[in-house]
């Protein structure tokens, strides 16, 4: 639980949201929607959906979203210095 909360707290500080609780519902909705779309059954998911998951879920959540947060952090930091 501590690990997941730290990601939400990171998004909270980047987007300057006072309460992290406002992020819980959108994040939970995204996770729920992805679970319905991708996991019809375990036996179907492994050979068929695993390559799709790797490309369309893991890459965005492990590479693209952190890069966007990093860019937002540096832009915000640069604007504060100016």
Protein backbone atom coordinates (compact mmCIF):
# COMPACT_ATOMS: atom_id res chain seq x y z
CA UNK A 1 0.00 0.00 0.00
CA UNK A 2 2.85 2.36 0.80
CA UNK A 3 4.31 2.02 -2.71
CA UNK A 4 1.05 2.84 -4.49
CA UNK A 5 0.38 5.79 -2.26
CA UNK A 6 3.80 7.25 -3.03
CA UNK A 7 2.94 7.35 -6.76
CA UNK A 8 -0.30 9.17 -6.04
CA UNK A 9 1.56 11.55 -3.75
CA UNK A 10 4.07 12.19 -6.54
CA UNK A 11 1.25 13.08 -8.94
CA UNK A 12 -0.27 15.22 -6.21
CA UNK A 13 2.89 17.28 -5.84
CA UNK A 14 3.48 17.62 -9.59
CA UNK A 15 -0.06 18.80 -10.33
CA UNK A 16 -0.33 20.82 -7.08
CA UNK A 17 -3.47 19.11 -5.84
CA UNK A 18 -4.14 19.73 -2.14
CA UNK A 19 -5.76 16.38 -1.37
CA UNK A 20 -4.48 13.15 -2.91
CA UNK A 21 -7.95 11.65 -2.43
CA UNK A 22 -9.12 13.46 -5.59
CA UNK A 23 -6.71 11.30 -7.61
CA UNK A 24 -7.88 7.98 -6.20
CA UNK A 25 -11.12 7.73 -8.20
CA UNK A 26 -9.58 8.55 -11.62
CA UNK A 27 -6.66 6.16 -11.03
CA UNK A 28 -8.99 3.42 -9.81
CA UNK A 29 -11.29 3.95 -12.82
CA UNK A 30 -8.37 3.61 -15.23
CA UNK A 31 -7.17 0.43 -13.54
CA UNK A 32 -10.70 -1.02 -13.50
CA UNK A 33 -11.31 -0.22 -17.16
CA UNK A 34 -8.01 -1.76 -18.21
CA UNK A 35 -8.72 -4.89 -16.19
CA UNK A 36 -12.09 -5.40 -17.90
CA UNK A 37 -10.71 -4.78 -21.37
CA UNK A 38 -7.65 -6.98 -21.02
CA UNK A 39 -8.57 -9.92 -18.79
CA UNK A 40 -11.48 -11.90 -20.18
CA UNK A 41 -9.97 -15.09 -18.80
CA UNK A 42 -6.56 -16.08 -17.48
CA UNK A 43 -6.06 -18.78 -20.12
CA UNK A 44 -6.88 -16.36 -22.92
CA UNK A 45 -4.83 -13.56 -21.44
CA UNK A 46 -1.49 -15.35 -21.29
CA UNK A 47 -0.91 -16.35 -24.94
CA UNK A 48 -3.10 -13.76 -26.65
CA UNK A 49 -3.26 -10.63 -24.55
CA UNK A 50 0.17 -10.60 -22.94
CA UNK A 51 1.91 -9.06 -25.99
CA UNK A 52 -0.90 -6.52 -26.26
CA UNK A 53 -0.61 -5.71 -22.56
CA UNK A 54 3.13 -5.27 -22.85
CA UNK A 55 2.77 -2.80 -25.70
CA UNK A 56 -0.33 -0.82 -24.75
CA UNK A 57 -0.30 -0.92 -20.94
CA UNK A 58 3.20 -1.56 -19.64
CA UNK A 59 4.99 0.80 -22.01
CA UNK A 60 2.71 3.77 -21.30
CA UNK A 61 2.56 3.22 -17.55
CA UNK A 62 6.26 2.41 -17.10
CA UNK A 63 7.84 4.74 -19.66
CA UNK A 64 5.51 7.40 -21.06
CA UNK A 65 3.70 8.51 -17.88
CA UNK A 66 6.91 8.81 -15.82
CA UNK A 67 8.56 10.76 -18.66
CA UNK A 68 5.58 13.12 -18.86
CA UNK A 69 5.73 13.65 -15.10
CA UNK A 70 9.47 14.32 -15.31
CA UNK A 71 8.95 16.85 -18.12
CA UNK A 72 6.17 18.53 -16.14
CA UNK A 73 8.50 18.72 -13.13
CA UNK A 74 11.31 20.36 -15.10
CA UNK A 75 8.96 22.82 -16.82
CA UNK A 76 7.48 23.76 -13.48
CA UNK A 77 10.93 24.12 -11.93
CA UNK A 78 12.11 26.31 -14.84
CA UNK A 79 9.02 28.53 -14.56
CA UNK A 80 9.62 29.03 -10.84
CA UNK A 81 13.22 30.17 -11.48
CA UNK A 82 12.13 32.72 -14.10
